[in-house]
Amino acid sequence: MTGTIDFEASFKNELEGTDLKEIIRESFLDVWICNHFKVLPTEHRFKELSEIQKHLLLVGYLESPTSEEMHAAYQQQDAAGATITEEDEKDFKNIGYTEEQIERMKQQLEAAGLA
């Protein structure tokens, strides 16, 4: 040989015994994280992520509601009006609100047309 390197043979030797599909899957995940969070793969905060943390980032993204879903939920809640449930009353009492204060809140909601 005249100073050339057989990259194919070198690459095959380096990857021997590894699951190529898993390497590709992890690479796509890394690229997605870099693109979505605008981080470079050389940055400390990216390098410190464990594989579990990377997968949790993806799962969190996939399970979070879309902006359309959030808007629809807001519209539905807005149409139902604001109410103070018995559970809310218990919570208010636990943090120190009196019965009179809770009744005043209910009256204010009704006066504003929100209840």
PDB file of N, CA and C in Angstrom:
ATOM      1  N   MET A   1       0.841  -1.175   0.000  1.00  0.00           N
ATOM      2  CA  MET A   1       0.000   0.000   0.000  1.00  0.00           C
ATOM      3  C   MET A   1       0.887   1.239   0.000  1.00  0.00           C
ATOM      4  N   THR A   2       0.340   2.272  -0.552  1.00  0.00           N
ATOM      5  CA  THR A   2       1.126   3.499  -0.684  1.00  0.00           C
ATOM      6  C   THR A   2       0.564   4.612   0.184  1.00  0.00           C
ATOM      7  N   GLY A   3       0.399   4.360   1.461  1.00  0.00           N
ATOM      8  CA  GLY A   3      -0.066   5.387   2.373  1.00  0.00           C
ATOM      9  C   GLY A   3      -1.570   5.606   2.370  1.00  0.00           C
ATOM     10  N   THR A   4      -2.338   4.656   1.855  1.00  0.00           N
ATOM     11  CA  THR A   4      -3.784   4.812   1.871  1.00  0.00           C
ATOM     12  C   THR A   4      -4.364   4.024   3.040  1.00  0.00           C
ATOM     13  N   ILE A   5      -5.523   4.447   3.475  1.00  0.00           N
ATOM     14  CA  ILE A   5      -6.202   3.774   4.582  1.00  0.00           C
ATOM     15  C   ILE A   5      -7.472   3.143   4.041  1.00  0.00           C
ATOM     16  N   ASP A   6      -7.667   1.898   4.370  1.00  0.00           N
ATOM     17  CA  ASP A   6      -8.889   1.201   3.978  1.00  0.00           C
ATOM     18  C   ASP A   6      -9.958   1.502   5.037  1.00  0.00           C
ATOM     19  N   PHE A   7     -10.738   2.595   4.789  1.00  0.00           N
ATOM     20  CA  PHE A   7     -11.726   3.030   5.760  1.00  0.00           C
ATOM     21  C   PHE A   7     -12.816   1.992   5.978  1.00  0.00           C
ATOM     22  N   GLU A   8     -13.209   1.300   4.928  1.00  0.00           N
ATOM     23  CA  GLU A   8     -14.262   0.307   5.053  1.00  0.00           C
ATOM     24  C   GLU A   8     -13.848  -0.789   6.029  1.00  0.00           C
ATOM     25  N   ALA A   9     -12.634  -1.297   5.864  1.00  0.00           N
ATOM     26  CA  ALA A   9     -12.151  -2.351   6.758  1.00  0.00           C
ATOM     27  C   ALA A   9     -11.994  -1.816   8.175  1.00  0.00           C
ATOM     28  N   SER A  10     -11.504  -0.605   8.307  1.00  0.00           N
ATOM     29  CA  SER A  10     -11.325   0.012   9.613  1.00  0.00           C
ATOM     30  C   SER A  10     -12.667   0.193  10.317  1.00  0.00           C
ATOM     31  N   PHE A  11     -13.678   0.653   9.564  1.00  0.00           N
ATOM     32  CA  PHE A  11     -15.007   0.868  10.110  1.00  0.00           C
ATOM     33  C   PHE A  11     -15.629  -0.449  10.530  1.00  0.00           C
ATOM     34  N   LYS A  12     -15.489  -1.484   9.700  1.00  0.00           N
ATOM     35  CA  LYS A  12     -16.048  -2.794  10.020  1.00  0.00           C
ATOM     36  C   LYS A  12     -15.416  -3.353  11.293  1.00  0.00           C
ATOM     37  N   ASN A  13     -14.097  -3.194  11.437  1.00  0.00           N
ATOM     38  CA  ASN A  13     -13.418  -3.692  12.628  1.00  0.00           C
ATOM     39  C   ASN A  13     -13.894  -2.954  13.884  1.00  0.00           C
ATOM     40  N   GLU A  14     -14.123  -1.654  13.747  1.00  0.00           N
ATOM     41  CA  GLU A  14     -14.549  -0.848  14.894  1.00  0.00           C
ATOM     42  C   GLU A  14     -15.963  -1.194  15.333  1.00  0.00           C
ATOM     43  N   LEU A  15     -16.840  -1.536  14.387  1.00  0.00           N
ATOM     44  CA  LEU A  15     -18.232  -1.819  14.701  1.00  0.00           C
ATOM     45  C   LEU A  15     -18.524  -3.295  14.912  1.00  0.00           C
ATOM     46  N   GLU A  16     -17.518  -4.104  14.853  1.00  0.00           N
ATOM     47  CA  GLU A  16     -17.727  -5.539  14.983  1.00  0.00           C
ATOM     48  C   GLU A  16     -18.366  -5.866  16.326  1.00  0.00           C
ATOM     49  N   GLY A  17     -19.470  -6.609  16.276  1.00  0.00           N
ATOM     50  CA  GLY A  17     -20.173  -7.020  17.488  1.00  0.00           C
ATOM     51  C   GLY A  17     -21.178  -5.996  17.990  1.00  0.00           C
ATOM     52  N   THR A  18     -21.392  -4.908  17.270  1.00  0.00           N
ATOM     53  CA  THR A  18     -22.375  -3.915  17.702  1.00  0.00           C
ATOM     54  C   THR A  18     -23.620  -4.009  16.838  1.00  0.00           C
ATOM     55  N   ASP A  19     -24.721  -3.549  17.383  1.00  0.00           N
ATOM     56  CA  ASP A  19     -25.989  -3.548  16.670  1.00  0.00           C
ATOM     57  C   ASP A  19     -26.099  -2.236  15.899  1.00  0.00           C
ATOM     58  N   LEU A  20     -25.958  -2.313  14.599  1.00  0.00           N
ATOM     59  CA  LEU A  20     -25.954  -1.116  13.759  1.00  0.00           C
ATOM     60  C   LEU A  20     -27.295  -0.384  13.830  1.00  0.00           C
ATOM     61  N   LYS A  21     -28.397  -1.125  13.943  1.00  0.00           N
ATOM     62  CA  LYS A  21     -29.711  -0.479  14.045  1.00  0.00           C
ATOM     63  C   LYS A  21     -29.796   0.384  15.307  1.00  0.00           C
ATOM     64  N   GLU A  22     -29.242  -0.093  16.405  1.00  0.00           N
ATOM     65  CA  GLU A  22     -29.265   0.668  17.651  1.00  0.00           C
ATOM     66  C   GLU A  22     -28.404   1.927  17.539  1.00  0.00           C
ATOM     67  N   ILE A  23     -27.282   1.821  16.872  1.00  0.00           N
ATOM     68  CA  ILE A  23     -26.419   2.989  16.668  1.00  0.00           C
ATOM     69  C   ILE A  23     -27.144   4.048  15.842  1.00  0.00           C
ATOM     70  N   ILE A  24     -27.831   3.625  14.796  1.00  0.00           N
ATOM     71  CA  ILE A  24     -28.574   4.565  13.942  1.00  0.00           C
ATOM     72  C   ILE A  24     -29.705   5.203  14.726  1.00  0.00           C
ATOM     73  N   ARG A  25     -30.431   4.410  15.525  1.00  0.00           N
ATOM     74  CA  ARG A  25     -31.541   4.924  16.329  1.00  0.00           C
ATOM     75  C   ARG A  25     -31.037   5.986  17.319  1.00  0.00           C
ATOM     76  N   GLU A  26     -29.924   5.710  17.996  1.00  0.00           N
ATOM     77  CA  GLU A  26     -29.363   6.663  18.943  1.00  0.00           C
ATOM     78  C   GLU A  26     -28.862   7.911  18.235  1.00  0.00           C
ATOM     79  N   SER A  27     -28.319   7.752  17.041  1.00  0.00           N
ATOM     80  CA  SER A  27     -27.841   8.908  16.283  1.00  0.00           C
ATOM     81  C   SER A  27     -28.995   9.820  15.902  1.00  0.00           C
ATOM     82  N   PHE A  28     -30.112   9.233  15.464  1.00  0.00           N
ATOM     83  CA  PHE A  28     -31.285  10.039  15.129  1.00  0.00           C
ATOM     84  C   PHE A  28     -31.801  10.773  16.362  1.00  0.00           C
ATOM     85  N   LEU A  29     -31.794  10.103  17.503  1.00  0.00           N
ATOM     86  CA  LEU A  29     -32.230  10.728  18.743  1.00  0.00           C
ATOM     87  C   LEU A  29     -31.324  11.908  19.091  1.00  0.00           C
ATOM     88  N   ASP A  30     -30.028  11.725  18.955  1.00  0.00           N
ATOM     89  CA  ASP A  30     -29.079  12.805  19.227  1.00  0.00           C
ATOM     90  C   ASP A  30     -29.312  13.990  18.298  1.00  0.00           C
ATOM     91  N   VAL A  31     -29.541  13.724  17.033  1.00  0.00           N
ATOM     92  CA  VAL A  31     -29.784  14.794  16.063  1.00  0.00           C
ATOM     93  C   VAL A  31     -31.083  15.516  16.396  1.00  0.00           C
ATOM     94  N   TRP A  32     -32.127  14.764  16.781  1.00  0.00           N
ATOM     95  CA  TRP A  32     -33.394  15.390  17.144  1.00  0.00           C
ATOM     96  C   TRP A  32     -33.210  16.307  18.352  1.00  0.00           C
ATOM     97  N   ILE A  33     -32.512  15.834  19.362  1.00  0.00           N
ATOM     98  CA  ILE A  33     -32.290  16.644  20.561  1.00  0.00           C
ATOM     99  C   ILE A  33     -31.539  17.924  20.200  1.00  0.00           C
ATOM    100  N   CYS A  34     -30.512  17.800  19.393  1.00  0.00           N
ATOM    101  CA  CYS A  34     -29.735  18.979  18.986  1.00  0.00           C
ATOM    102  C   CYS A  34     -30.612  19.980  18.240  1.00  0.00           C
ATOM    103  N   ASN A  35     -31.429  19.500  17.329  1.00  0.00           N
ATOM    104  CA  ASN A  35     -32.297  20.383  16.547  1.00  0.00           C
ATOM    105  C   ASN A  35     -33.404  20.986  17.394  1.00  0.00           C
ATOM    106  N   HIS A  36     -34.062  20.180  18.188  1.00  0.00           N
ATOM    107  CA  HIS A  36     -35.218  20.646  18.952  1.00  0.00           C
ATOM    108  C   HIS A  36     -34.810  21.630  20.050  1.00  0.00           C
ATOM    109  N   PHE A  37     -33.731  21.342  20.745  1.00  0.00           N
ATOM    110  CA  PHE A  37     -33.317  22.175  21.867  1.00  0.00           C
ATOM    111  C   PHE A  37     -32.218  23.174  21.504  1.00  0.00           C
ATOM    112  N   LYS A  38     -31.882  23.221  20.223  1.00  0.00           N
ATOM    113  CA  LYS A  38     -30.874  24.178  19.725  1.00  0.00           C
ATOM    114  C   LYS A  38     -29.582  24.090  20.541  1.00  0.00           C
ATOM    115  N   VAL A  39     -29.050  22.892  20.599  1.00  0.00           N
ATOM    116  CA  VAL A  39     -27.826  22.633  21.343  1.00  0.00           C
ATOM    117  C   VAL A  39     -26.842  21.928  20.416  1.00  0.00           C
ATOM    118  N   LEU A  40     -25.588  22.222  20.573  1.00  0.00           N
ATOM    119  CA  LEU A  40     -24.563  21.553  19.775  1.00  0.00           C
ATOM    120  C   LEU A  40     -24.128  20.261  20.465  1.00  0.00           C
ATOM    121  N   PRO A  41     -23.757  19.257  19.698  1.00  0.00           N
ATOM    122  CA  PRO A  41     -23.336  17.993  20.317  1.00  0.00           C
ATOM    123  C   PRO A  41     -22.028  18.128  21.098  1.00  0.00           C
ATOM    124  N   THR A  42     -21.325  19.227  20.909  1.00  0.00           N
ATOM    125  CA  THR A  42     -20.074  19.437  21.640  1.00  0.00           C
ATOM    126  C   THR A  42     -20.299  20.171  22.958  1.00  0.00           C
ATOM    127  N   GLU A  43     -21.520  20.667  23.197  1.00  0.00           N
ATOM    128  CA  GLU A  43     -21.802  21.413  24.423  1.00  0.00           C
ATOM    129  C   GLU A  43     -21.876  20.486  25.631  1.00  0.00           C
ATOM    130  N   HIS A  44     -21.433  21.015  26.752  1.00  0.00           N
ATOM    131  CA  HIS A  44     -21.379  20.244  27.995  1.00  0.00           C
ATOM    132  C   HIS A  44     -22.759  19.709  28.392  1.00  0.00           C
ATOM    133  N   ARG A  45     -23.798  20.552  28.254  1.00  0.00           N
ATOM    134  CA  ARG A  45     -25.134  20.123  28.671  1.00  0.00           C
ATOM    135  C   ARG A  45     -25.660  18.973  27.822  1.00  0.00           C
ATOM    136  N   PHE A  46     -25.217  18.861  26.577  1.00  0.00           N
ATOM    137  CA  PHE A  46     -25.617  17.730  25.742  1.00  0.00           C
ATOM    138  C   PHE A  46     -24.784  16.500  26.098  1.00  0.00           C
ATOM    139  N   LYS A  47     -23.492  16.694  26.265  1.00  0.00           N
ATOM    140  CA  LYS A  47     -22.605  15.563  26.551  1.00  0.00           C
ATOM    141  C   LYS A  47     -22.949  14.871  27.868  1.00  0.00           C
ATOM    142  N   GLU A  48     -23.502  15.633  28.815  1.00  0.00           N
ATOM    143  CA  GLU A  48     -23.802  15.082  30.134  1.00  0.00           C
ATOM    144  C   GLU A  48     -25.107  14.292  30.187  1.00  0.00           C
ATOM    145  N   LEU A  49     -25.904  14.330  29.107  1.00  0.00           N
ATOM    146  CA  LEU A  49     -27.165  13.589  29.101  1.00  0.00           C
ATOM    147  C   LEU A  49     -26.905  12.084  29.026  1.00  0.00           C
ATOM    148  N   SER A  50     -27.582  11.343  29.886  1.00  0.00           N
ATOM    149  CA  SER A  50     -27.495   9.879  29.798  1.00  0.00           C
ATOM    150  C   SER A  50     -28.470   9.409  28.724  1.00  0.00           C
ATOM    151  N   GLU A  51     -28.372   8.169  28.339  1.00  0.00           N
ATOM    152  CA  GLU A  51     -29.299   7.627  27.331  1.00  0.00           C
ATOM    153  C   GLU A  51     -30.731   7.660  27.850  1.00  0.00           C
ATOM    154  N   ILE A  52     -30.909   7.383  29.129  1.00  0.00           N
ATOM    155  CA  ILE A  52     -32.252   7.412  29.706  1.00  0.00           C
ATOM    156  C   ILE A  52     -32.819   8.820  29.643  1.00  0.00           C
ATOM    157  N   GLN A  53     -32.007   9.822  29.970  1.00  0.00           N
ATOM    158  CA  GLN A  53     -32.468  11.207  29.905  1.00  0.00           C
ATOM    159  C   GLN A  53     -32.841  11.599  28.478  1.00  0.00           C
ATOM    160  N   LYS A  54     -32.072  11.146  27.515  1.00  0.00           N
ATOM    161  CA  LYS A  54     -32.382  11.443  26.115  1.00  0.00           C
ATOM    162  C   LYS A  54     -33.724  10.843  25.725  1.00  0.00           C
ATOM    163  N   HIS A  55     -33.959   9.603  26.129  1.00  0.00           N
ATOM    164  CA  HIS A  55     -35.226   8.953  25.810  1.00  0.00           C
ATOM    165  C   HIS A  55     -36.387   9.633  26.530  1.00  0.00           C
ATOM    166  N   LEU A  56     -36.173  10.083  27.766  1.00  0.00           N
ATOM    167  CA  LEU A  56     -37.222  10.786  28.491  1.00  0.00           C
ATOM    168  C   LEU A  56     -37.573  12.111  27.823  1.00  0.00           C
ATOM    169  N   LEU A  57     -36.581  12.798  27.272  1.00  0.00           N
ATOM    170  CA  LEU A  57     -36.860  14.033  26.538  1.00  0.00           C
ATOM    171  C   LEU A  57     -37.784  13.762  25.359  1.00  0.00           C
ATOM    172  N   LEU A  58     -37.503  12.694  24.629  1.00  0.00           N
ATOM    173  CA  LEU A  58     -38.327  12.351  23.478  1.00  0.00           C
ATOM    174  C   LEU A  58     -39.729  11.937  23.906  1.00  0.00           C
ATOM    175  N   VAL A  59     -39.832  11.104  24.924  1.00  0.00           N
ATOM    176  CA  VAL A  59     -41.146  10.654  25.401  1.00  0.00           C
ATOM    177  C   VAL A  59     -41.954  11.848  25.894  1.00  0.00           C
ATOM    178  N   GLY A  60     -41.319  12.744  26.632  1.00  0.00           N
ATOM    179  CA  GLY A  60     -42.011  13.942  27.108  1.00  0.00           C
ATOM    180  C   GLY A  60     -42.526  14.784  25.967  1.00  0.00           C
ATOM    181  N   TYR A  61     -41.732  14.912  24.923  1.00  0.00           N
ATOM    182  CA  TYR A  61     -42.152  15.688  23.757  1.00  0.00           C
ATOM    183  C   TYR A  61     -43.328  15.010  23.053  1.00  0.00           C
ATOM    184  N   LEU A  62     -43.246  13.707  22.880  1.00  0.00           N
ATOM    185  CA  LEU A  62     -44.296  12.981  22.165  1.00  0.00           C
ATOM    186  C   LEU A  62     -45.612  12.953  22.931  1.00  0.00           C
ATOM    187  N   GLU A  63     -45.545  12.976  24.255  1.00  0.00           N
ATOM    188  CA  GLU A  63     -46.759  12.891  25.057  1.00  0.00           C
ATOM    189  C   GLU A  63     -47.343  14.251  25.425  1.00  0.00           C
ATOM    190  N   SER A  64     -46.624  15.324  25.152  1.00  0.00           N
ATOM    191  CA  SER A  64     -47.156  16.646  25.490  1.00  0.00           C
ATOM    192  C   SER A  64     -48.212  17.043  24.464  1.00  0.00           C
ATOM    193  N   PRO A  65     -49.218  17.796  24.914  1.00  0.00           N
ATOM    194  CA  PRO A  65     -50.290  18.169  23.986  1.00  0.00           C
ATOM    195  C   PRO A  65     -49.808  19.182  22.952  1.00  0.00           C
ATOM    196  N   THR A  66     -50.427  19.139  21.788  1.00  0.00           N
ATOM    197  CA  THR A  66     -50.102  20.113  20.748  1.00  0.00           C
ATOM    198  C   THR A  66     -50.742  21.445  21.109  1.00  0.00           C
ATOM    199  N   SER A  67     -50.347  22.499  20.425  1.00  0.00           N
ATOM    200  CA  SER A  67     -50.925  23.811  20.714  1.00  0.00           C
ATOM    201  C   SER A  67     -52.419  23.812  20.398  1.00  0.00           C
ATOM    202  N   GLU A  68     -52.838  23.060  19.383  1.00  0.00           N
ATOM    203  CA  GLU A  68     -54.257  22.971  19.047  1.00  0.00           C
ATOM    204  C   GLU A  68     -55.037  22.285  20.176  1.00  0.00           C
ATOM    205  N   GLU A  69     -54.466  21.225  20.742  1.00  0.00           N
ATOM    206  CA  GLU A  69     -55.121  20.529  21.845  1.00  0.00           C
ATOM    207  C   GLU A  69     -55.224  21.420  23.075  1.00  0.00           C
ATOM    208  N   MET A  70     -54.163  22.183  23.359  1.00  0.00           N
ATOM    209  CA  MET A  70     -54.200  23.089  24.504  1.00  0.00           C
ATOM    210  C   MET A  70     -55.238  24.185  24.297  1.00  0.00           C
ATOM    211  N   HIS A  71     -55.328  24.703  23.067  1.00  0.00           N
ATOM    212  CA  HIS A  71     -56.302  25.747  22.763  1.00  0.00           C
ATOM    213  C   HIS A  71     -57.724  25.203  22.921  1.00  0.00           C
ATOM    214  N   ALA A  72     -57.967  23.996  22.427  1.00  0.00           N
ATOM    215  CA  ALA A  72     -59.301  23.389  22.544  1.00  0.00           C
ATOM    216  C   ALA A  72     -59.664  23.160  24.013  1.00  0.00           C
ATOM    217  N   ALA A  73     -58.708  22.708  24.809  1.00  0.00           N
ATOM    218  CA  ALA A  73     -58.969  22.488  26.236  1.00  0.00           C
ATOM    219  C   ALA A  73     -59.273  23.808  26.932  1.00  0.00           C
ATOM    220  N   TYR A  74     -58.560  24.860  26.565  1.00  0.00           N
ATOM    221  CA  TYR A  74     -58.815  26.180  27.152  1.00  0.00           C
ATOM    222  C   TYR A  74     -60.213  26.667  26.781  1.00  0.00           C
ATOM    223  N   GLN A  75     -60.575  26.500  25.510  1.00  0.00           N
ATOM    224  CA  GLN A  75     -61.898  26.938  25.064  1.00  0.00           C
ATOM    225  C   GLN A  75     -62.994  26.166  25.796  1.00  0.00           C
ATOM    226  N   GLN A  76     -62.792  24.880  25.982  1.00  0.00           N
ATOM    227  CA  GLN A  76     -63.776  24.050  26.666  1.00  0.00           C
ATOM    228  C   GLN A  76     -63.901  24.484  28.130  1.00  0.00           C
ATOM    229  N   GLN A  77     -62.777  24.752  28.776  1.00  0.00           N
ATOM    230  CA  GLN A  77     -62.784  25.193  30.169  1.00  0.00           C
ATOM    231  C   GLN A  77     -63.439  26.563  30.276  1.00  0.00           C
ATOM    232  N   ASP A  78     -63.139  27.447  29.328  1.00  0.00           N
ATOM    233  CA  ASP A  78     -63.700  28.793  29.334  1.00  0.00           C
ATOM    234  C   ASP A  78     -65.216  28.746  29.154  1.00  0.00           C
ATOM    235  N   ALA A  79     -65.689  27.847  28.293  1.00  0.00           N
ATOM    236  CA  ALA A  79     -67.126  27.717  28.043  1.00  0.00           C
ATOM    237  C   ALA A  79     -67.850  27.166  29.269  1.00  0.00           C
ATOM    238  N   ALA A  80     -67.179  26.317  30.027  1.00  0.00           N
ATOM    239  CA  ALA A  80     -67.794  25.725  31.211  1.00  0.00           C
ATOM    240  C   ALA A  80     -67.903  26.733  32.341  1.00  0.00           C
ATOM    241  N   GLY A  81     -67.102  27.772  32.309  1.00  0.00           N
ATOM    242  CA  GLY A  81     -67.124  28.773  33.362  1.00  0.00           C
ATOM    243  C   GLY A  81     -66.250  28.364  34.531  1.00  0.00           C
ATOM    244  N   ALA A  82     -65.906  29.336  35.322  1.00  0.00           N
ATOM    245  CA  ALA A  82     -65.070  29.080  36.485  1.00  0.00           C
ATOM    246  C   ALA A  82     -65.965  28.721  37.657  1.00  0.00           C
ATOM    247  N   THR A  83     -65.663  27.668  38.314  1.00  0.00           N
ATOM    248  CA  THR A  83     -66.430  27.259  39.481  1.00  0.00           C
ATOM    249  C   THR A  83     -65.476  26.886  40.590  1.00  0.00           C
ATOM    250  N   ILE A  84     -65.966  27.006  41.797  1.00  0.00           N
ATOM    251  CA  ILE A  84     -65.193  26.562  42.958  1.00  0.00           C
ATOM    252  C   ILE A  84     -65.862  25.297  43.459  1.00  0.00           C
ATOM    253  N   THR A  85     -65.173  24.194  43.312  1.00  0.00           N
ATOM    254  CA  THR A  85     -65.729  22.907  43.707  1.00  0.00           C
ATOM    255  C   THR A  85     -65.532  22.690  45.202  1.00  0.00           C
ATOM    256  N   GLU A  86     -66.147  21.635  45.708  1.00  0.00           N
ATOM    257  CA  GLU A  86     -65.968  21.291  47.132  1.00  0.00           C
ATOM    258  C   GLU A  86     -64.504  20.998  47.424  1.00  0.00           C
ATOM    259  N   GLU A  87     -63.846  20.346  46.472  1.00  0.00           N
ATOM    260  CA  GLU A  87     -62.423  20.049  46.654  1.00  0.00           C
ATOM    261  C   GLU A  87     -61.605  21.342  46.718  1.00  0.00           C
ATOM    262  N   ASP A  88     -61.966  22.312  45.863  1.00  0.00           N
ATOM    263  CA  ASP A  88     -61.303  23.608  45.909  1.00  0.00           C
ATOM    264  C   ASP A  88     -61.510  24.272  47.268  1.00  0.00           C
ATOM    265  N   GLU A  89     -62.752  24.199  47.774  1.00  0.00           N
ATOM    266  CA  GLU A  89     -63.047  24.795  49.077  1.00  0.00           C
ATOM    267  C   GLU A  89     -62.183  24.176  50.169  1.00  0.00           C
ATOM    268  N   LYS A  90     -62.039  22.843  50.139  1.00  0.00           N
ATOM    269  CA  LYS A  90     -61.190  22.170  51.130  1.00  0.00           C
ATOM    270  C   LYS A  90     -59.752  22.666  51.028  1.00  0.00           C
ATOM    271  N   ASP A  91     -59.264  22.797  49.789  1.00  0.00           N
ATOM    272  CA  ASP A  91     -57.895  23.280  49.592  1.00  0.00           C
ATOM    273  C   ASP A  91     -57.737  24.701  50.116  1.00  0.00           C
ATOM    274  N   PHE A  92     -58.730  25.564  49.827  1.00  0.00           N
ATOM    275  CA  PHE A  92     -58.676  26.945  50.319  1.00  0.00           C
ATOM    276  C   PHE A  92     -58.662  26.971  51.846  1.00  0.00           C
ATOM    277  N   LYS A  93     -59.490  26.137  52.464  1.00  0.00           N
ATOM    278  CA  LYS A  93     -59.539  26.082  53.928  1.00  0.00           C
ATOM    279  C   LYS A  93     -58.205  25.601  54.499  1.00  0.00           C
ATOM    280  N   ASN A  94     -57.596  24.622  53.827  1.00  0.00           N
ATOM    281  CA  ASN A  94     -56.316  24.085  54.296  1.00  0.00           C
ATOM    282  C   ASN A  94     -55.194  25.114  54.263  1.00  0.00           C
ATOM    283  N   ILE A  95     -55.297  26.073  53.357  1.00  0.00           N
ATOM    284  CA  ILE A  95     -54.239  27.085  53.291  1.00  0.00           C
ATOM    285  C   ILE A  95     -54.615  28.367  54.036  1.00  0.00           C
ATOM    286  N   GLY A  96     -55.774  28.330  54.757  1.00  0.00           N
ATOM    287  CA  GLY A  96     -56.086  29.430  55.646  1.00  0.00           C
ATOM    288  C   GLY A  96     -57.221  30.353  55.255  1.00  0.00           C
ATOM    289  N   TYR A  97     -57.933  30.094  54.172  1.00  0.00           N
ATOM    290  CA  TYR A  97     -59.075  30.937  53.806  1.00  0.00           C
ATOM    291  C   TYR A  97     -60.251  30.632  54.733  1.00  0.00           C
ATOM    292  N   THR A  98     -61.032  31.651  55.033  1.00  0.00           N
ATOM    293  CA  THR A  98     -62.219  31.465  55.856  1.00  0.00           C
ATOM    294  C   THR A  98     -63.421  31.206  54.950  1.00  0.00           C
ATOM    295  N   GLU A  99     -64.528  30.759  55.571  1.00  0.00           N
ATOM    296  CA  GLU A  99     -65.765  30.525  54.820  1.00  0.00           C
ATOM    297  C   GLU A  99     -66.224  31.809  54.132  1.00  0.00           C
ATOM    298  N   GLU A 100     -66.092  32.931  54.824  1.00  0.00           N
ATOM    299  CA  GLU A 100     -66.531  34.213  54.274  1.00  0.00           C
ATOM    300  C   GLU A 100     -65.725  34.586  53.031  1.00  0.00           C
ATOM    301  N   GLN A 101     -64.415  34.343  53.083  1.00  0.00           N
ATOM    302  CA  GLN A 101     -63.557  34.660  51.933  1.00  0.00           C
ATOM    303  C   GLN A 101     -63.916  33.778  50.731  1.00  0.00           C
ATOM    304  N   ILE A 102     -64.199  32.534  50.991  1.00  0.00           N
ATOM    305  CA  ILE A 102     -64.566  31.614  49.911  1.00  0.00           C
ATOM    306  C   ILE A 102     -65.907  32.029  49.307  1.00  0.00           C
ATOM    307  N   GLU A 103     -66.874  32.393  50.150  1.00  0.00           N
ATOM    308  CA  GLU A 103     -68.170  32.853  49.650  1.00  0.00           C
ATOM    309  C   GLU A 103     -68.011  34.126  48.824  1.00  0.00           C
ATOM    310  N   ARG A 104     -67.133  35.026  49.265  1.00  0.00           N
ATOM    311  CA  ARG A 104     -66.896  36.261  48.523  1.00  0.00           C
ATOM    312  C   ARG A 104     -66.322  35.956  47.141  1.00  0.00           C
ATOM    313  N   MET A 105     -65.409  34.979  47.060  1.00  0.00           N
ATOM    314  CA  MET A 105     -64.851  34.585  45.757  1.00  0.00           C
ATOM    315  C   MET A 105     -65.947  34.062  44.838  1.00  0.00           C
ATOM    316  N   LYS A 106     -66.840  33.233  45.392  1.00  0.00           N
ATOM    317  CA  LYS A 106     -67.952  32.688  44.589  1.00  0.00           C
ATOM    318  C   LYS A 106     -68.837  33.813  44.067  1.00  0.00           C
ATOM    319  N   GLN A 107     -69.138  34.782  44.929  1.00  0.00           N
ATOM    320  CA  GLN A 107     -69.975  35.907  44.532  1.00  0.00           C
ATOM    321  C   GLN A 107     -69.306  36.742  43.446  1.00  0.00           C
ATOM    322  N   GLN A 108     -67.999  36.925  43.579  1.00  0.00           N
ATOM    323  CA  GLN A 108     -67.274  37.712  42.563  1.00  0.00           C
ATOM    324  C   GLN A 108     -67.276  36.994  41.219  1.00  0.00           C
ATOM    325  N   LEU A 109     -67.150  35.691  41.240  1.00  0.00           N
ATOM    326  CA  LEU A 109     -67.206  34.922  39.992  1.00  0.00           C
ATOM    327  C   LEU A 109     -68.595  35.041  39.348  1.00  0.00           C
ATOM    328  N   GLU A 110     -69.626  34.949  40.163  1.00  0.00           N
ATOM    329  CA  GLU A 110     -70.987  35.072  39.640  1.00  0.00           C
ATOM    330  C   GLU A 110     -71.239  36.471  39.085  1.00  0.00           C
ATOM    331  N   ALA A 111     -70.784  37.502  39.819  1.00  0.00           N
ATOM    332  CA  ALA A 111     -70.983  38.881  39.374  1.00  0.00           C
ATOM    333  C   ALA A 111     -70.271  39.163  38.052  1.00  0.00           C
ATOM    334  N   ALA A 112     -69.153  38.517  37.861  1.00  0.00           N
ATOM    335  CA  ALA A 112     -68.392  38.712  36.618  1.00  0.00           C
ATOM    336  C   ALA A 112     -68.928  37.844  35.482  1.00  0.00           C
ATOM    337  N   GLY A 113     -69.925  37.016  35.781  1.00  0.00           N
ATOM    338  CA  GLY A 113     -70.503  36.154  34.756  1.00  0.00           C
ATOM    339  C   GLY A 113     -69.623  34.957  34.426  1.00  0.00           C
ATOM    340  N   LEU A 114     -68.785  34.565  35.371  1.00  0.00           N
ATOM    341  CA  LEU A 114     -67.859  33.447  35.117  1.00  0.00           C
ATOM    342  C   LEU A 114     -68.303  32.161  35.770  1.00  0.00           C
ATOM    343  N   ALA A 115     -69.313  32.211  36.613  1.00  0.00           N
ATOM    344  CA  ALA A 115     -69.737  31.005  37.296  1.00  0.00           C
ATOM    345  C   ALA A 115     -71.034  30.480  36.712  1.00  0.00           C
TER     346      ALA A 115
END
